[in-house]
Amino acid sequence: MSDLLQRLRGCGWRMTSQRRVVAEVLDGEHVHLTADEVHLRAAERLPEISRATVYNTLGELVALGEVLEVSTVGRAKRYDPNAHRPHQHLVCSGCGAVRDVHPVGNALDDLPEAERFGFTVGLAEITYRGMCPDCA
């Protein structure tokens, strides 16, 4: 059983066939699919699944904190099942490919006190951008 499916069972999420297939499509490393890509892959396994069901299920997974919604400038939102391991994202400026990266160090430590403007900072989200080997 996949990590995502185990987490969802552990939190008591009602596992319908539609929800299960969406979770199965999302499972894995470096998975950052758009809702339309999730729907296409889910429909290969369960042809009767509707786009609305996929969107609703993705919304529930995000609300549960089991999937992250990743926004990239000028592109469709992507969904990341790696919600429980801290990481940042590397995004290709050409094709939009997204990879999880795990930089060394703490990004919060890199923000000087003078640049915090009195904020109590608890989270840093960093997106690295560049060109993947296929687009370079």
N, C-alpha and C. Protein backbone atom coordinates (compact mmCIF):
# COMPACT_ATOMS: atom_id res chain seq x y z
N MET A 1 0.85 -1.18 0.00
CA MET A 1 0.00 0.00 0.00
C MET A 1 0.89 1.24 0.00
N SER A 2 0.49 2.27 -0.71
CA SER A 2 1.29 3.48 -0.83
C SER A 2 1.29 4.28 0.48
N ASP A 3 2.29 5.15 0.58
CA ASP A 3 2.43 6.00 1.76
C ASP A 3 1.20 6.91 1.91
N LEU A 4 0.77 7.51 0.81
CA LEU A 4 -0.39 8.41 0.86
C LEU A 4 -1.64 7.64 1.28
N LEU A 5 -1.86 6.46 0.72
CA LEU A 5 -3.04 5.67 1.10
C LEU A 5 -2.99 5.28 2.57
N GLN A 6 -1.81 4.92 3.07
CA GLN A 6 -1.67 4.59 4.49
C GLN A 6 -2.02 5.79 5.37
N ARG A 7 -1.51 6.96 4.99
CA ARG A 7 -1.81 8.17 5.78
C ARG A 7 -3.30 8.47 5.77
N LEU A 8 -3.94 8.32 4.62
CA LEU A 8 -5.37 8.61 4.51
C LEU A 8 -6.20 7.62 5.33
N ARG A 9 -5.83 6.35 5.29
CA ARG A 9 -6.53 5.36 6.12
C ARG A 9 -6.33 5.68 7.60
N GLY A 10 -5.12 6.09 7.95
CA GLY A 10 -4.80 6.41 9.34
C GLY A 10 -5.60 7.57 9.89
N CYS A 11 -5.99 8.51 9.02
CA CYS A 11 -6.77 9.65 9.51
C CYS A 11 -8.27 9.41 9.37
N GLY A 12 -8.65 8.19 8.94
CA GLY A 12 -10.07 7.84 8.89
C GLY A 12 -10.81 8.37 7.68
N TRP A 13 -10.11 8.73 6.63
CA TRP A 13 -10.73 9.25 5.43
C TRP A 13 -11.51 8.15 4.74
N ARG A 14 -12.76 8.41 4.40
CA ARG A 14 -13.61 7.42 3.75
C ARG A 14 -13.06 7.12 2.35
N MET A 15 -12.69 5.89 2.10
CA MET A 15 -12.00 5.50 0.88
C MET A 15 -12.97 4.93 -0.15
N THR A 16 -13.52 5.81 -0.99
CA THR A 16 -14.35 5.34 -2.10
C THR A 16 -13.42 4.93 -3.25
N SER A 17 -13.96 4.29 -4.26
CA SER A 17 -13.12 3.89 -5.39
C SER A 17 -12.55 5.12 -6.11
N GLN A 18 -13.34 6.20 -6.19
CA GLN A 18 -12.87 7.42 -6.85
C GLN A 18 -11.74 8.07 -6.05
N ARG A 19 -11.92 8.17 -4.74
CA ARG A 19 -10.88 8.76 -3.89
C ARG A 19 -9.61 7.92 -3.93
N ARG A 20 -9.79 6.62 -3.91
CA ARG A 20 -8.63 5.73 -3.92
C ARG A 20 -7.81 5.91 -5.20
N VAL A 21 -8.47 5.98 -6.35
CA VAL A 21 -7.74 6.10 -7.60
C VAL A 21 -7.02 7.45 -7.68
N VAL A 22 -7.61 8.52 -7.16
CA VAL A 22 -6.92 9.82 -7.13
C VAL A 22 -5.67 9.73 -6.25
N ALA A 23 -5.80 9.11 -5.09
CA ALA A 23 -4.65 8.95 -4.19
C ALA A 23 -3.57 8.08 -4.83
N GLU A 24 -3.97 7.04 -5.53
CA GLU A 24 -2.99 6.18 -6.20
C GLU A 24 -2.24 6.93 -7.30
N VAL A 25 -2.95 7.77 -8.04
CA VAL A 25 -2.32 8.56 -9.10
C VAL A 25 -1.31 9.53 -8.52
N LEU A 26 -1.60 10.09 -7.36
CA LEU A 26 -0.72 11.08 -6.74
C LEU A 26 0.48 10.47 -6.04
N ASP A 27 0.44 9.21 -5.72
CA ASP A 27 1.48 8.62 -4.90
C ASP A 27 2.82 8.53 -5.64
N GLY A 28 3.90 8.83 -4.92
CA GLY A 28 5.25 8.67 -5.46
C GLY A 28 6.12 9.88 -5.19
N GLU A 29 7.40 9.74 -5.53
CA GLU A 29 8.34 10.84 -5.36
C GLU A 29 8.30 11.74 -6.58
N HIS A 30 8.51 13.01 -6.37
CA HIS A 30 8.56 14.01 -7.44
C HIS A 30 7.28 14.05 -8.26
N VAL A 31 6.16 13.74 -7.63
CA VAL A 31 4.87 13.81 -8.31
C VAL A 31 4.30 15.21 -8.09
N HIS A 32 4.09 15.93 -9.16
CA HIS A 32 3.55 17.28 -9.11
C HIS A 32 2.60 17.45 -10.30
N LEU A 33 1.48 16.79 -10.24
CA LEU A 33 0.54 16.78 -11.36
C LEU A 33 -0.47 17.91 -11.25
N THR A 34 -0.94 18.39 -12.39
CA THR A 34 -2.07 19.32 -12.40
C THR A 34 -3.35 18.53 -12.18
N ALA A 35 -4.43 19.22 -11.89
CA ALA A 35 -5.72 18.53 -11.70
C ALA A 35 -6.12 17.81 -12.98
N ASP A 36 -5.87 18.42 -14.13
CA ASP A 36 -6.22 17.77 -15.39
C ASP A 36 -5.39 16.51 -15.62
N GLU A 37 -4.11 16.55 -15.25
CA GLU A 37 -3.26 15.36 -15.38
C GLU A 37 -3.73 14.26 -14.44
N VAL A 38 -4.13 14.64 -13.22
CA VAL A 38 -4.67 13.66 -12.28
C VAL A 38 -5.93 13.03 -12.89
N HIS A 39 -6.80 13.86 -13.45
CA HIS A 39 -8.04 13.34 -14.04
C HIS A 39 -7.74 12.37 -15.19
N LEU A 40 -6.82 12.73 -16.08
CA LEU A 40 -6.49 11.85 -17.21
C LEU A 40 -5.97 10.50 -16.73
N ARG A 41 -5.07 10.52 -15.76
CA ARG A 41 -4.50 9.27 -15.25
C ARG A 41 -5.53 8.46 -14.47
N ALA A 42 -6.37 9.16 -13.72
CA ALA A 42 -7.40 8.46 -12.94
C ALA A 42 -8.42 7.82 -13.88
N ALA A 43 -8.76 8.51 -14.96
CA ALA A 43 -9.74 7.99 -15.92
C ALA A 43 -9.23 6.75 -16.65
N GLU A 44 -7.90 6.61 -16.76
CA GLU A 44 -7.35 5.39 -17.36
C GLU A 44 -7.64 4.18 -16.47
N ARG A 45 -7.70 4.40 -15.17
CA ARG A 45 -7.95 3.32 -14.22
C ARG A 45 -9.43 3.16 -13.90
N LEU A 46 -10.15 4.28 -13.91
CA LEU A 46 -11.57 4.29 -13.55
C LEU A 46 -12.28 5.24 -14.53
N PRO A 47 -12.66 4.73 -15.71
CA PRO A 47 -13.17 5.60 -16.77
C PRO A 47 -14.36 6.49 -16.38
N GLU A 48 -15.14 6.08 -15.42
CA GLU A 48 -16.33 6.87 -15.07
C GLU A 48 -16.04 8.03 -14.12
N ILE A 49 -14.81 8.21 -13.68
CA ILE A 49 -14.51 9.28 -12.73
C ILE A 49 -14.67 10.64 -13.43
N SER A 50 -15.33 11.56 -12.75
CA SER A 50 -15.58 12.87 -13.35
C SER A 50 -14.50 13.86 -12.95
N ARG A 51 -14.37 14.89 -13.76
CA ARG A 51 -13.41 15.97 -13.46
C ARG A 51 -13.79 16.63 -12.14
N ALA A 52 -15.08 16.83 -11.89
CA ALA A 52 -15.52 17.46 -10.65
C ALA A 52 -15.11 16.63 -9.43
N THR A 53 -15.22 15.32 -9.54
CA THR A 53 -14.82 14.44 -8.44
C THR A 53 -13.33 14.58 -8.17
N VAL A 54 -12.53 14.65 -9.22
CA VAL A 54 -11.08 14.82 -9.05
C VAL A 54 -10.79 16.15 -8.36
N TYR A 55 -11.40 17.23 -8.83
CA TYR A 55 -11.17 18.55 -8.22
C TYR A 55 -11.62 18.56 -6.76
N ASN A 56 -12.77 17.98 -6.48
CA ASN A 56 -13.26 17.93 -5.09
C ASN A 56 -12.34 17.10 -4.20
N THR A 57 -11.86 15.98 -4.71
CA THR A 57 -10.97 15.12 -3.94
C THR A 57 -9.64 15.82 -3.68
N LEU A 58 -9.10 16.49 -4.69
CA LEU A 58 -7.85 17.24 -4.49
C LEU A 58 -8.05 18.33 -3.42
N GLY A 59 -9.18 19.01 -3.47
CA GLY A 59 -9.47 20.03 -2.46
C GLY A 59 -9.53 19.44 -1.06
N GLU A 60 -10.14 18.27 -0.93
CA GLU A 60 -10.21 17.60 0.38
C GLU A 60 -8.82 17.19 0.86
N LEU A 61 -8.00 16.66 -0.05
CA LEU A 61 -6.65 16.23 0.33
C LEU A 61 -5.80 17.41 0.79
N VAL A 62 -5.95 18.55 0.12
CA VAL A 62 -5.24 19.76 0.53
C VAL A 62 -5.74 20.22 1.89
N ALA A 63 -7.06 20.24 2.08
CA ALA A 63 -7.64 20.67 3.36
C ALA A 63 -7.20 19.76 4.51
N LEU A 64 -7.03 18.47 4.23
CA LEU A 64 -6.56 17.53 5.25
C LEU A 64 -5.08 17.70 5.56
N GLY A 65 -4.35 18.41 4.69
CA GLY A 65 -2.91 18.56 4.86
C GLY A 65 -2.13 17.37 4.37
N GLU A 66 -2.76 16.51 3.58
CA GLU A 66 -2.09 15.32 3.06
C GLU A 66 -1.47 15.54 1.68
N VAL A 67 -1.85 16.61 1.02
CA VAL A 67 -1.31 16.98 -0.28
C VAL A 67 -1.10 18.49 -0.28
N LEU A 68 0.01 18.93 -0.86
CA LEU A 68 0.31 20.35 -0.96
C LEU A 68 -0.13 20.87 -2.32
N GLU A 69 -0.64 22.08 -2.34
CA GLU A 69 -0.96 22.75 -3.59
C GLU A 69 0.24 23.63 -3.93
N VAL A 70 0.84 23.39 -5.08
CA VAL A 70 2.03 24.12 -5.50
C VAL A 70 1.65 25.05 -6.64
N SER A 71 1.86 26.34 -6.43
CA SER A 71 1.58 27.31 -7.48
C SER A 71 2.89 27.73 -8.14
N THR A 72 2.90 27.70 -9.46
CA THR A 72 4.05 28.20 -10.21
C THR A 72 3.54 29.31 -11.11
N VAL A 73 4.31 30.37 -11.23
CA VAL A 73 3.90 31.56 -11.96
C VAL A 73 3.48 31.23 -13.38
N GLY A 74 2.27 31.65 -13.73
CA GLY A 74 1.79 31.49 -15.09
C GLY A 74 1.40 30.08 -15.50
N ARG A 75 1.31 29.18 -14.54
CA ARG A 75 0.98 27.79 -14.87
C ARG A 75 -0.11 27.28 -13.92
N ALA A 76 -0.71 26.17 -14.29
CA ALA A 76 -1.76 25.56 -13.47
C ALA A 76 -1.17 25.09 -12.13
N LYS A 77 -2.00 25.10 -11.10
CA LYS A 77 -1.59 24.56 -9.81
C LYS A 77 -1.23 23.10 -9.96
N ARG A 78 -0.28 22.67 -9.15
CA ARG A 78 0.12 21.27 -9.13
C ARG A 78 -0.08 20.73 -7.73
N TYR A 79 -0.19 19.42 -7.62
CA TYR A 79 -0.48 18.78 -6.34
C TYR A 79 0.65 17.84 -5.97
N ASP A 80 1.17 18.04 -4.75
CA ASP A 80 2.37 17.36 -4.26
C ASP A 80 2.00 16.50 -3.05
N PRO A 81 2.13 15.17 -3.15
CA PRO A 81 1.78 14.30 -2.02
C PRO A 81 2.85 14.24 -0.94
N ASN A 82 3.96 14.92 -1.14
CA ASN A 82 5.07 14.91 -0.18
C ASN A 82 4.83 15.99 0.88
N ALA A 83 3.72 15.90 1.57
CA ALA A 83 3.30 16.95 2.50
C ALA A 83 3.92 16.83 3.88
N HIS A 84 4.53 15.71 4.19
CA HIS A 84 5.01 15.50 5.56
C HIS A 84 6.52 15.51 5.70
N ARG A 85 7.22 15.78 4.62
CA ARG A 85 8.68 15.90 4.69
C ARG A 85 9.04 17.29 4.19
N PRO A 86 9.65 18.11 5.04
CA PRO A 86 9.99 19.48 4.61
C PRO A 86 10.87 19.46 3.36
N HIS A 87 10.51 20.28 2.39
CA HIS A 87 11.28 20.37 1.15
C HIS A 87 10.93 21.67 0.43
N GLN A 88 11.72 21.98 -0.55
CA GLN A 88 11.47 23.13 -1.42
C GLN A 88 11.25 22.59 -2.83
N HIS A 89 11.04 23.48 -3.78
CA HIS A 89 10.80 23.05 -5.15
C HIS A 89 11.77 23.68 -6.13
N LEU A 90 12.12 22.91 -7.14
CA LEU A 90 12.94 23.34 -8.26
C LEU A 90 12.03 23.28 -9.48
N VAL A 91 11.85 24.43 -10.15
CA VAL A 91 10.89 24.53 -11.24
C VAL A 91 11.62 24.93 -12.53
N CYS A 92 11.33 24.21 -13.61
CA CYS A 92 11.89 24.55 -14.91
C CYS A 92 11.10 25.72 -15.50
N SER A 93 11.81 26.77 -15.86
CA SER A 93 11.17 27.96 -16.46
C SER A 93 10.69 27.69 -17.87
N GLY A 94 11.16 26.62 -18.48
CA GLY A 94 10.73 26.28 -19.84
C GLY A 94 9.47 25.45 -19.86
N CYS A 95 9.55 24.23 -19.37
CA CYS A 95 8.42 23.29 -19.47
C CYS A 95 7.56 23.23 -18.21
N GLY A 96 8.04 23.79 -17.10
CA GLY A 96 7.27 23.78 -15.86
C GLY A 96 7.46 22.55 -15.00
N ALA A 97 8.40 21.66 -15.37
CA ALA A 97 8.65 20.48 -14.54
C ALA A 97 9.02 20.90 -13.13
N VAL A 98 8.56 20.13 -12.15
CA VAL A 98 8.81 20.45 -10.75
C VAL A 98 9.48 19.25 -10.09
N ARG A 99 10.50 19.52 -9.29
CA ARG A 99 11.18 18.48 -8.52
C ARG A 99 11.26 18.94 -7.08
N ASP A 100 11.15 17.97 -6.16
CA ASP A 100 11.38 18.25 -4.74
C ASP A 100 12.87 18.32 -4.50
N VAL A 101 13.31 19.31 -3.73
CA VAL A 101 14.71 19.42 -3.35
C VAL A 101 14.80 19.62 -1.85
N HIS A 102 15.93 19.20 -1.29
CA HIS A 102 16.12 19.26 0.15
C HIS A 102 17.42 19.99 0.46
N PRO A 103 17.41 21.34 0.39
CA PRO A 103 18.64 22.08 0.64
C PRO A 103 19.14 21.88 2.07
N VAL A 104 20.44 22.02 2.22
CA VAL A 104 21.06 21.90 3.53
C VAL A 104 20.93 23.24 4.25
N GLY A 105 20.68 23.20 5.53
CA GLY A 105 20.56 24.43 6.32
C GLY A 105 19.11 24.82 6.54
N ASN A 106 18.93 25.92 7.21
CA ASN A 106 17.61 26.40 7.57
C ASN A 106 17.40 27.77 6.94
N ALA A 107 16.44 27.88 6.02
CA ALA A 107 16.17 29.14 5.33
C ALA A 107 15.79 30.25 6.30
N LEU A 108 15.18 29.91 7.43
CA LEU A 108 14.82 30.94 8.41
C LEU A 108 16.06 31.60 9.00
N ASP A 109 17.13 30.85 9.12
CA ASP A 109 18.38 31.41 9.64
C ASP A 109 19.02 32.39 8.67
N ASP A 110 18.69 32.27 7.38
CA ASP A 110 19.29 33.13 6.36
C ASP A 110 18.62 34.49 6.27
N LEU A 111 17.51 34.70 6.94
CA LEU A 111 16.81 35.99 6.91
C LEU A 111 17.31 36.84 8.08
N PRO A 112 18.09 37.89 7.78
CA PRO A 112 18.64 38.72 8.86
C PRO A 112 17.54 39.36 9.71
N GLU A 113 17.80 39.57 10.95
CA GLU A 113 16.83 40.18 11.88
C GLU A 113 16.31 41.50 11.34
N ALA A 114 17.20 42.30 10.74
CA ALA A 114 16.79 43.62 10.21
C ALA A 114 15.78 43.50 9.08
N GLU A 115 15.74 42.35 8.41
CA GLU A 115 14.81 42.14 7.30
C GLU A 115 13.51 41.47 7.73
N ARG A 116 13.34 41.25 9.00
CA ARG A 116 12.11 40.59 9.49
C ARG A 116 11.02 41.59 9.84
N PHE A 117 11.36 42.85 9.98
CA PHE A 117 10.41 43.92 10.23
C PHE A 117 9.47 43.62 11.40
N GLY A 118 10.02 42.98 12.42
CA GLY A 118 9.24 42.68 13.61
C GLY A 118 8.38 41.43 13.50
N PHE A 119 8.37 40.79 12.35
CA PHE A 119 7.58 39.57 12.17
C PHE A 119 8.19 38.43 12.98
N THR A 120 7.35 37.56 13.48
CA THR A 120 7.79 36.29 14.01
C THR A 120 7.65 35.30 12.87
N VAL A 121 8.76 34.95 12.26
CA VAL A 121 8.75 34.13 11.06
C VAL A 121 8.81 32.66 11.45
N GLY A 122 7.88 31.87 10.95
CA GLY A 122 7.83 30.46 11.29
C GLY A 122 7.97 29.52 10.11
N LEU A 123 7.95 30.07 8.88
CA LEU A 123 8.00 29.22 7.70
C LEU A 123 8.65 29.99 6.56
N ALA A 124 9.48 29.32 5.81
CA ALA A 124 10.07 29.89 4.60
C ALA A 124 9.79 28.93 3.45
N GLU A 125 9.25 29.46 2.37
CA GLU A 125 9.02 28.67 1.17
C GLU A 125 9.90 29.24 0.07
N ILE A 126 10.78 28.42 -0.42
CA ILE A 126 11.73 28.86 -1.44
C ILE A 126 11.47 28.05 -2.70
N THR A 127 11.43 28.74 -3.82
CA THR A 127 11.30 28.07 -5.11
C THR A 127 12.53 28.41 -5.93
N TYR A 128 13.25 27.38 -6.31
CA TYR A 128 14.41 27.54 -7.18
C TYR A 128 13.91 27.43 -8.61
N ARG A 129 14.38 28.30 -9.48
CA ARG A 129 13.96 28.29 -10.88
C ARG A 129 15.18 28.15 -11.78
N GLY A 130 15.01 27.48 -12.87
CA GLY A 130 16.09 27.30 -13.83
C GLY A 130 15.57 26.51 -15.01
N MET A 131 16.47 25.96 -15.79
CA MET A 131 16.09 25.19 -16.97
C MET A 131 16.50 23.74 -16.76
N CYS A 132 15.57 22.83 -17.00
CA CYS A 132 15.86 21.40 -16.90
C CYS A 132 16.77 20.99 -18.07
N PRO A 133 17.39 19.83 -18.00
CA PRO A 133 18.28 19.40 -19.09
C PRO A 133 17.59 19.34 -20.46
N ASP A 134 16.31 18.98 -20.48
CA ASP A 134 15.60 18.89 -21.76
C ASP A 134 15.37 20.25 -22.39
N CYS A 135 15.18 21.28 -21.55
CA CYS A 135 14.89 22.62 -22.07
C CYS A 135 16.14 23.49 -22.26
N ALA A 136 17.22 23.11 -21.60
CA ALA A 136 18.45 23.94 -21.64
C ALA A 136 19.08 23.92 -23.02
